[in-house]
PDB file of all heavy atoms in Angstrom:
ATOM      1  N   VAL A   1      -4.981 -39.463  70.344  1.00  0.00           N
ATOM      2  CA  VAL A   1      -4.561 -38.069  70.204  1.00  0.00           C
ATOM      3  C   VAL A   1      -3.167 -37.939  70.798  1.00  0.00           C
ATOM      4  O   VAL A   1      -2.900 -38.433  71.894  1.00  0.00           O
ATOM      5  CB  VAL A   1      -5.536 -37.117  70.928  1.00  0.00           C
ATOM      6  CG1 VAL A   1      -5.041 -35.683  70.861  1.00  0.00           C
ATOM      7  CG2 VAL A   1      -6.928 -37.222  70.335  1.00  0.00           C
ATOM      8  N   SER A   2      -2.265 -37.283  70.061  1.00  0.00           N
ATOM      9  CA  SER A   2      -0.922 -37.047  70.575  1.00  0.00           C
ATOM     10  C   SER A   2      -0.520 -35.607  70.278  1.00  0.00           C
ATOM     11  O   SER A   2      -0.984 -35.009  69.315  1.00  0.00           O
ATOM     12  CB  SER A   2       0.082 -38.022  69.946  1.00  0.00           C
ATOM     13  OG  SER A   2       0.074 -37.891  68.541  1.00  0.00           O
ATOM     14  N   ALA A   3       0.339 -35.066  71.139  1.00  0.00           N
ATOM     15  CA  ALA A   3       0.815 -33.698  70.954  1.00  0.00           C
ATOM     16  C   ALA A   3       1.811 -33.666  69.812  1.00  0.00           C
ATOM     17  O   ALA A   3       2.632 -34.568  69.651  1.00  0.00           O
ATOM     18  CB  ALA A   3       1.465 -33.191  72.232  1.00  0.00           C
ATOM     19  N   ALA A   4       1.722 -32.630  69.001  1.00  0.00           N
ATOM     20  CA  ALA A   4       2.636 -32.442  67.871  1.00  0.00           C
ATOM     21  C   ALA A   4       3.101 -30.992  67.883  1.00  0.00           C
ATOM     22  O   ALA A   4       2.569 -30.152  67.168  1.00  0.00           O
ATOM     23  CB  ALA A   4       1.943 -32.791  66.556  1.00  0.00           C
ATOM     24  N   GLY A   5       4.077 -30.693  68.717  1.00  0.00           N
ATOM     25  CA  GLY A   5       4.550 -29.312  68.829  1.00  0.00           C
ATOM     26  C   GLY A   5       3.477 -28.456  69.471  1.00  0.00           C
ATOM     27  O   GLY A   5       3.018 -28.727  70.568  1.00  0.00           O
ATOM     28  N   ALA A   6       3.032 -27.417  68.765  1.00  0.00           N
ATOM     29  CA  ALA A   6       1.992 -26.535  69.285  1.00  0.00           C
ATOM     30  C   ALA A   6       0.600 -27.070  68.966  1.00  0.00           C
ATOM     31  O   ALA A   6      -0.390 -26.501  69.388  1.00  0.00           O
ATOM     32  CB  ALA A   6       2.150 -25.144  68.680  1.00  0.00           C
ATOM     33  N   GLY A   7       0.525 -28.159  68.222  1.00  0.00           N
ATOM     34  CA  GLY A   7      -0.767 -28.694  67.818  1.00  0.00           C
ATOM     35  C   GLY A   7      -0.973 -30.120  68.289  1.00  0.00           C
ATOM     36  O   GLY A   7      -0.335 -30.588  69.225  1.00  0.00           O
ATOM     37  N   VAL A   8      -1.870 -30.800  67.601  1.00  0.00           N
ATOM     38  CA  VAL A   8      -2.199 -32.185  67.943  1.00  0.00           C
ATOM     39  C   VAL A   8      -2.249 -33.032  66.678  1.00  0.00           C
ATOM     40  O   VAL A   8      -2.444 -32.517  65.577  1.00  0.00           O
ATOM     41  CB  VAL A   8      -3.553 -32.287  68.681  1.00  0.00           C
ATOM     42  CG1 VAL A   8      -3.502 -31.634  70.028  1.00  0.00           C
ATOM     43  CG2 VAL A   8      -4.668 -31.720  67.841  1.00  0.00           C
ATOM     44  N   ARG A   9      -2.056 -34.324  66.870  1.00  0.00           N
ATOM     45  CA  ARG A   9      -2.251 -35.328  65.825  1.00  0.00           C
ATOM     46  C   ARG A   9      -3.354 -36.257  66.294  1.00  0.00           C
ATOM     47  O   ARG A   9      -3.300 -36.759  67.409  1.00  0.00           O
ATOM     48  CB  ARG A   9      -0.992 -36.153  65.624  1.00  0.00           C
ATOM     49  CG  ARG A   9      -0.176 -35.715  64.466  1.00  0.00           C
ATOM     50  CD  ARG A   9       0.882 -36.728  64.206  1.00  0.00           C
ATOM     51  NE  ARG A   9       2.113 -36.197  64.756  1.00  0.00           N
ATOM     52  CZ  ARG A   9       3.234 -36.854  64.848  1.00  0.00           C
ATOM     53  NH1 ARG A   9       3.298 -38.103  64.482  1.00  0.00           N
ATOM     54  NH2 ARG A   9       4.305 -36.293  65.318  1.00  0.00           N
ATOM     55  N   VAL A  10      -4.324 -36.491  65.432  1.00  0.00           N
ATOM     56  CA  VAL A  10      -5.443 -37.371  65.769  1.00  0.00           C
ATOM     57  C   VAL A  10      -5.409 -38.549  64.811  1.00  0.00           C
ATOM     58  O   VAL A  10      -5.308 -38.374  63.598  1.00  0.00           O
ATOM     59  CB  VAL A  10      -6.787 -36.619  65.664  1.00  0.00           C
ATOM     60  CG1 VAL A  10      -7.951 -37.557  65.911  1.00  0.00           C
ATOM     61  CG2 VAL A  10      -6.827 -35.467  66.648  1.00  0.00           C
ATOM     62  N   HIS A  11      -5.481 -39.756  65.367  1.00  0.00           N
ATOM     63  CA  HIS A  11      -5.509 -40.986  64.584  1.00  0.00           C
ATOM     64  C   HIS A  11      -6.890 -41.612  64.752  1.00  0.00           C
ATOM     65  O   HIS A  11      -7.276 -41.966  65.866  1.00  0.00           O
ATOM     66  CB  HIS A  11      -4.434 -41.967  65.055  1.00  0.00           C
ATOM     67  CG  HIS A  11      -3.060 -41.405  64.983  1.00  0.00           C
ATOM     68  ND1 HIS A  11      -2.268 -41.538  63.873  1.00  0.00           N
ATOM     69  CD2 HIS A  11      -2.337 -40.684  65.868  1.00  0.00           C
ATOM     70  CE1 HIS A  11      -1.116 -40.941  64.085  1.00  0.00           C
ATOM     71  NE2 HIS A  11      -1.135 -40.410  65.299  1.00  0.00           N
ATOM     72  N   VAL A  12      -7.618 -41.732  63.641  1.00  0.00           N
ATOM     73  CA  VAL A  12      -8.969 -42.287  63.662  1.00  0.00           C
ATOM     74  C   VAL A  12      -8.948 -43.611  62.916  1.00  0.00           C
ATOM     75  O   VAL A  12      -8.537 -43.663  61.756  1.00  0.00           O
ATOM     76  CB  VAL A  12      -9.981 -41.313  63.011  1.00  0.00           C
ATOM     77  CG1 VAL A  12     -11.357 -41.929  62.958  1.00  0.00           C
ATOM     78  CG2 VAL A  12     -10.005 -40.002  63.763  1.00  0.00           C
ATOM     79  N   PRO A  13      -9.396 -44.699  63.543  1.00  0.00           N
ATOM     80  CA  PRO A  13      -9.407 -45.993  62.854  1.00  0.00           C
ATOM     81  C   PRO A  13     -10.533 -46.078  61.834  1.00  0.00           C
ATOM     82  O   PRO A  13     -11.611 -45.531  62.037  1.00  0.00           O
ATOM     83  CB  PRO A  13      -9.638 -46.992  63.992  1.00  0.00           C
ATOM     84  CG  PRO A  13     -10.376 -46.218  65.019  1.00  0.00           C
ATOM     85  CD  PRO A  13      -9.866 -44.802  64.917  1.00  0.00           C
ATOM     86  N   VAL A  14     -10.254 -46.750  60.719  1.00  0.00           N
ATOM     87  CA  VAL A  14     -11.262 -47.001  59.692  1.00  0.00           C
ATOM     88  C   VAL A  14     -11.713 -48.449  59.846  1.00  0.00           C
ATOM     89  O   VAL A  14     -10.921 -49.365  59.649  1.00  0.00           O
ATOM     90  CB  VAL A  14     -10.689 -46.783  58.271  1.00  0.00           C
ATOM     91  CG1 VAL A  14     -11.748 -47.086  57.227  1.00  0.00           C
ATOM     92  CG2 VAL A  14     -10.155 -45.377  58.125  1.00  0.00           C
ATOM     93  N   PRO A  15     -12.975 -48.674  60.207  1.00  0.00           N
ATOM     94  CA  PRO A  15     -13.434 -50.053  60.380  1.00  0.00           C
ATOM     95  C   PRO A  15     -13.637 -50.737  59.027  1.00  0.00           C
ATOM     96  O   PRO A  15     -13.971 -50.096  58.040  1.00  0.00           O
ATOM     97  CB  PRO A  15     -14.756 -49.897  61.117  1.00  0.00           C
ATOM     98  CG  PRO A  15     -15.232 -48.535  60.788  1.00  0.00           C
ATOM     99  CD  PRO A  15     -14.009 -47.709  60.547  1.00  0.00           C
ATOM    100  N   LEU A  16     -13.402 -52.032  59.013  1.00  0.00           N
ATOM    101  CA  LEU A  16     -13.695 -52.839  57.834  1.00  0.00           C
ATOM    102  C   LEU A  16     -15.197 -53.043  57.776  1.00  0.00           C
ATOM    103  O   LEU A  16     -15.834 -53.296  58.799  1.00  0.00           O
ATOM    104  CB  LEU A  16     -12.963 -54.175  57.927  1.00  0.00           C
ATOM    105  CG  LEU A  16     -12.905 -55.043  56.687  1.00  0.00           C
ATOM    106  CD1 LEU A  16     -12.229 -54.304  55.542  1.00  0.00           C
ATOM    107  CD2 LEU A  16     -12.148 -56.322  56.979  1.00  0.00           C
ATOM    108  N   ALA A  17     -15.788 -52.908  56.606  1.00  0.00           N
ATOM    109  CA  ALA A  17     -17.244 -52.974  56.463  1.00  0.00           C
ATOM    110  C   ALA A  17     -17.793 -54.282  57.019  1.00  0.00           C
ATOM    111  O   ALA A  17     -17.279 -55.351  56.729  1.00  0.00           O
ATOM    112  CB  ALA A  17     -17.623 -52.827  54.992  1.00  0.00           C
ATOM    113  N   PHE A  18     -18.825 -54.163  57.829  1.00  0.00           N
ATOM    114  CA  PHE A  18     -19.578 -55.277  58.400  1.00  0.00           C
ATOM    115  C   PHE A  18     -18.773 -56.136  59.377  1.00  0.00           C
ATOM    116  O   PHE A  18     -19.152 -57.268  59.641  1.00  0.00           O
ATOM    117  CB  PHE A  18     -20.194 -56.146  57.304  1.00  0.00           C
ATOM    118  CG  PHE A  18     -21.055 -55.371  56.361  1.00  0.00           C
ATOM    119  CD1 PHE A  18     -20.680 -55.190  55.048  1.00  0.00           C
ATOM    120  CD2 PHE A  18     -22.229 -54.796  56.803  1.00  0.00           C
ATOM    121  CE1 PHE A  18     -21.468 -54.466  54.176  1.00  0.00           C
ATOM    122  CE2 PHE A  18     -23.026 -54.054  55.937  1.00  0.00           C
ATOM    123  CZ  PHE A  18     -22.650 -53.890  54.627  1.00  0.00           C
ATOM    124  N   THR A  19     -17.655 -55.636  59.893  1.00  0.00           N
ATOM    125  CA  THR A  19     -16.894 -56.351  60.913  1.00  0.00           C
ATOM    126  C   THR A  19     -16.430 -55.352  61.963  1.00  0.00           C
ATOM    127  O   THR A  19     -16.591 -54.147  61.800  1.00  0.00           O
ATOM    128  CB  THR A  19     -15.657 -57.056  60.327  1.00  0.00           C
ATOM    129  OG1 THR A  19     -14.751 -56.064  59.847  1.00  0.00           O
ATOM    130  CG2 THR A  19     -16.022 -58.018  59.215  1.00  0.00           C
ATOM    131  N   ASN A  20     -15.837 -55.832  63.016  1.00  0.00           N
ATOM    132  CA  ASN A  20     -15.286 -54.959  64.053  1.00  0.00           C
ATOM    133  C   ASN A  20     -13.782 -54.813  63.934  1.00  0.00           C
ATOM    134  O   ASN A  20     -13.141 -54.315  64.840  1.00  0.00           O
ATOM    135  CB  ASN A  20     -15.647 -55.495  65.439  1.00  0.00           C
ATOM    136  CG  ASN A  20     -17.089 -55.231  65.781  1.00  0.00           C
ATOM    137  OD1 ASN A  20     -17.688 -54.295  65.250  1.00  0.00           O
ATOM    138  ND2 ASN A  20     -17.649 -56.041  66.645  1.00  0.00           N
ATOM    139  N   THR A  21     -13.195 -55.259  62.836  1.00  0.00           N
ATOM    140  CA  THR A  21     -11.751 -55.132  62.665  1.00  0.00           C
ATOM    141  C   THR A  21     -11.411 -53.795  62.022  1.00  0.00           C
ATOM    142  O   THR A  21     -12.243 -53.158  61.385  1.00  0.00           O
ATOM    143  CB  THR A  21     -11.204 -56.280  61.802  1.00  0.00           C
ATOM    144  OG1 THR A  21     -11.848 -56.244  60.524  1.00  0.00           O
ATOM    145  CG2 THR A  21     -11.452 -57.618  62.457  1.00  0.00           C
ATOM    146  N   ARG A  22     -10.161 -53.400  62.176  1.00  0.00           N
ATOM    147  CA  ARG A  22      -9.703 -52.113  61.640  1.00  0.00           C
ATOM    148  C   ARG A  22      -9.006 -52.334  60.310  1.00  0.00           C
ATOM    149  O   ARG A  22      -8.133 -53.184  60.176  1.00  0.00           O
ATOM    150  CB  ARG A  22      -8.759 -51.466  62.636  1.00  0.00           C
ATOM    151  CG  ARG A  22      -8.234 -50.151  62.166  1.00  0.00           C
ATOM    152  CD  ARG A  22      -7.380 -49.444  63.143  1.00  0.00           C
ATOM    153  NE  ARG A  22      -6.740 -50.317  64.116  1.00  0.00           N
ATOM    154  CZ  ARG A  22      -6.088 -49.882  65.159  1.00  0.00           C
ATOM    155  NH1 ARG A  22      -5.994 -48.608  65.387  1.00  0.00           N
ATOM    156  NH2 ARG A  22      -5.508 -50.714  65.985  1.00  0.00           N
ATOM    157  N   LEU A  23      -9.400 -51.559  59.310  1.00  0.00           N
ATOM    158  CA  LEU A  23      -8.779 -51.628  57.992  1.00  0.00           C
ATOM    159  C   LEU A  23      -7.478 -50.832  57.975  1.00  0.00           C
ATOM    160  O   LEU A  23      -6.437 -51.329  57.568  1.00  0.00           O
ATOM    161  CB  LEU A  23      -9.744 -51.095  56.927  1.00  0.00           C
ATOM    162  CG  LEU A  23      -9.250 -51.053  55.500  1.00  0.00           C
ATOM    163  CD1 LEU A  23      -9.001 -52.476  54.997  1.00  0.00           C
ATOM    164  CD2 LEU A  23     -10.247 -50.360  54.600  1.00  0.00           C
ATOM    165  N   THR A  24      -7.538 -49.601  58.423  1.00  0.00           N
ATOM    166  CA  THR A  24      -6.371 -48.718  58.472  1.00  0.00           C
ATOM    167  C   THR A  24      -6.665 -47.599  59.459  1.00  0.00           C
ATOM    168  O   THR A  24      -7.712 -47.581  60.091  1.00  0.00           O
ATOM    169  CB  THR A  24      -6.047 -48.150  57.073  1.00  0.00           C
ATOM    170  OG1 THR A  24      -4.813 -47.433  57.139  1.00  0.00           O
ATOM    171  CG2 THR A  24      -7.135 -47.239  56.559  1.00  0.00           C
ATOM    172  N   THR A  25      -5.746 -46.656  59.567  1.00  0.00           N
ATOM    173  CA  THR A  25      -5.929 -45.508  60.448  1.00  0.00           C
ATOM    174  C   THR A  25      -5.671 -44.234  59.654  1.00  0.00           C
ATOM    175  O   THR A  25      -4.723 -44.155  58.886  1.00  0.00           O
ATOM    176  CB  THR A  25      -4.947 -45.584  61.636  1.00  0.00           C
ATOM    177  OG1 THR A  25      -5.179 -46.803  62.331  1.00  0.00           O
ATOM    178  CG2 THR A  25      -5.157 -44.432  62.587  1.00  0.00           C
ATOM    179  N   ILE A  26      -6.532 -43.258  59.841  1.00  0.00           N
ATOM    180  CA  ILE A  26      -6.400 -41.953  59.192  1.00  0.00           C
ATOM    181  C   ILE A  26      -5.813 -40.983  60.207  1.00  0.00           C
ATOM    182  O   ILE A  26      -6.229 -40.948  61.365  1.00  0.00           O
ATOM    183  CB  ILE A  26      -7.773 -41.433  58.720  1.00  0.00           C
ATOM    184  CG1 ILE A  26      -8.448 -42.412  57.762  1.00  0.00           C
ATOM    185  CG2 ILE A  26      -7.643 -40.058  58.095  1.00  0.00           C
ATOM    186  CD1 ILE A  26      -7.749 -42.577  56.453  1.00  0.00           C
ATOM    187  N   GLU A  27      -4.837 -40.194  59.777  1.00  0.00           N
ATOM    188  CA  GLU A  27      -4.207 -39.208  60.656  1.00  0.00           C
ATOM    189  C   GLU A  27      -4.537 -37.806  60.174  1.00  0.00           C
ATOM    190  O   GLU A  27      -4.515 -37.529  58.970  1.00  0.00           O
ATOM    191  CB  GLU A  27      -2.694 -39.393  60.656  1.00  0.00           C
ATOM    192  CG  GLU A  27      -1.983 -38.386  61.511  1.00  0.00           C
ATOM    193  CD  GLU A  27      -0.475 -38.511  61.422  1.00  0.00           C
ATOM    194  OE1 GLU A  27       0.027 -39.642  61.354  1.00  0.00           O
ATOM    195  OE2 GLU A  27       0.196 -37.467  61.422  1.00  0.00           O
ATOM    196  N   ALA A  28      -4.854 -36.934  61.118  1.00  0.00           N
ATOM    197  CA  ALA A  28      -5.088 -35.521  60.811  1.00  0.00           C
ATOM    198  C   ALA A  28      -4.351 -34.678  61.847  1.00  0.00           C
ATOM    199  O   ALA A  28      -4.182 -35.092  62.997  1.00  0.00           O
ATOM    200  CB  ALA A  28      -6.576 -35.208  60.831  1.00  0.00           C
ATOM    201  N   ARG A  29      -3.920 -33.522  61.418  1.00  0.00           N
ATOM    202  CA  ARG A  29      -3.188 -32.616  62.314  1.00  0.00           C
ATOM    203  C   ARG A  29      -3.873 -31.248  62.318  1.00  0.00           C
ATOM    204  O   ARG A  29      -4.428 -30.823  61.315  1.00  0.00           O
ATOM    205  CB  ARG A  29      -1.757 -32.427  61.831  1.00  0.00           C
ATOM    206  CG  ARG A  29      -0.951 -33.681  61.827  1.00  0.00           C
ATOM    207  CD  ARG A  29       0.405 -33.410  61.270  1.00  0.00           C
ATOM    208  NE  ARG A  29       1.104 -34.671  61.068  1.00  0.00           N
ATOM    209  CZ  ARG A  29       2.399 -34.775  60.949  1.00  0.00           C
ATOM    210  NH1 ARG A  29       3.154 -33.692  60.984  1.00  0.00           N
ATOM    211  NH2 ARG A  29       2.959 -35.957  60.785  1.00  0.00           N
ATOM    212  N   ALA A  30      -3.762 -30.586  63.459  1.00  0.00           N
ATOM    213  CA  ALA A  30      -4.254 -29.212  63.581  1.00  0.00           C
ATOM    214  C   ALA A  30      -3.477 -28.521  64.683  1.00  0.00           C
ATOM    215  O   ALA A  30      -2.970 -29.167  65.613  1.00  0.00           O
ATOM    216  CB  ALA A  30      -5.744 -29.197  63.912  1.00  0.00           C
ATOM    217  N   ALA A  31      -3.358 -27.209  64.579  1.00  0.00           N
ATOM    218  CA  ALA A  31      -2.612 -26.454  65.571  1.00  0.00           C
ATOM    219  C   ALA A  31      -3.280 -25.095  65.766  1.00  0.00           C
ATOM    220  O   ALA A  31      -3.754 -24.471  64.802  1.00  0.00           O
ATOM    221  CB  ALA A  31      -1.172 -26.259  65.140  1.00  0.00           C
ATOM    222  N   LEU A  32      -3.324 -24.683  67.005  1.00  0.00           N
ATOM    223  CA  LEU A  32      -3.789 -23.350  67.372  1.00  0.00           C
ATOM    224  C   LEU A  32      -2.848 -22.811  68.459  1.00  0.00           C
ATOM    225  O   LEU A  32      -2.394 -23.590  69.308  1.00  0.00           O
ATOM    226  CB  LEU A  32      -5.212 -23.385  67.930  1.00  0.00           C
ATOM    227  CG  LEU A  32      -6.340 -23.562  66.935  1.00  0.00           C
ATOM    228  CD1 LEU A  32      -7.648 -23.729  67.677  1.00  0.00           C
ATOM    229  CD2 LEU A  32      -6.421 -22.372  66.010  1.00  0.00           C
ATOM    230  N   PRO A  33      -2.569 -21.525  68.475  1.00  0.00           N
ATOM    231  CA  PRO A  33      -1.741 -20.989  69.553  1.00  0.00           C
ATOM    232  C   PRO A  33      -2.517 -21.004  70.862  1.00  0.00           C
ATOM    233  O   PRO A  33      -3.755 -20.954  70.869  1.00  0.00           O
ATOM    234  CB  PRO A  33      -1.445 -19.556  69.095  1.00  0.00           C
ATOM    235  CG  PRO A  33      -2.532 -19.219  68.146  1.00  0.00           C
ATOM    236  CD  PRO A  33      -2.950 -20.505  67.503  1.00  0.00           C
ATOM    237  N   PRO A  34      -1.823 -21.074  71.988  1.00  0.00           N
ATOM    238  CA  PRO A  34      -2.509 -21.061  73.281  1.00  0.00           C
ATOM    239  C   PRO A  34      -3.346 -19.793  73.455  1.00  0.00           C
ATOM    240  O   PRO A  34      -2.921 -18.692  73.085  1.00  0.00           O
ATOM    241  CB  PRO A  34      -1.376 -21.107  74.307  1.00  0.00           C
ATOM    242  CG  PRO A  34      -0.205 -21.639  73.557  1.00  0.00           C
ATOM    243  CD  PRO A  34      -0.373 -21.214  72.142  1.00  0.00           C
ATOM    244  N   GLN A  35      -4.540 -19.960  73.992  1.00  0.00           N
ATOM    245  CA  GLN A  35      -5.456 -18.828  74.219  1.00  0.00           C
ATOM    246  C   GLN A  35      -5.415 -18.462  75.700  1.00  0.00           C
ATOM    247  O   GLN A  35      -5.283 -19.301  76.556  1.00  0.00           O
ATOM    248  CB  GLN A  35      -6.884 -19.225  73.839  1.00  0.00           C
ATOM    249  CG  GLN A  35      -7.004 -19.747  72.436  1.00  0.00           C
ATOM    250  CD  GLN A  35      -6.722 -18.700  71.390  1.00  0.00           C
ATOM    251  OE1 GLN A  35      -7.282 -17.623  71.434  1.00  0.00           O
ATOM    252  NE2 GLN A  35      -5.857 -19.023  70.448  1.00  0.00           N
TER     253      GLN A  35
END
């Protein structure tokens, strides 16, 4: 998880089927104003 301005960026690894290695990483972003 990393800060991206007022929001965050989350990087989730995609595992390779039937192994413990990583195939790629998926990134998602979201932002909410401070409460």
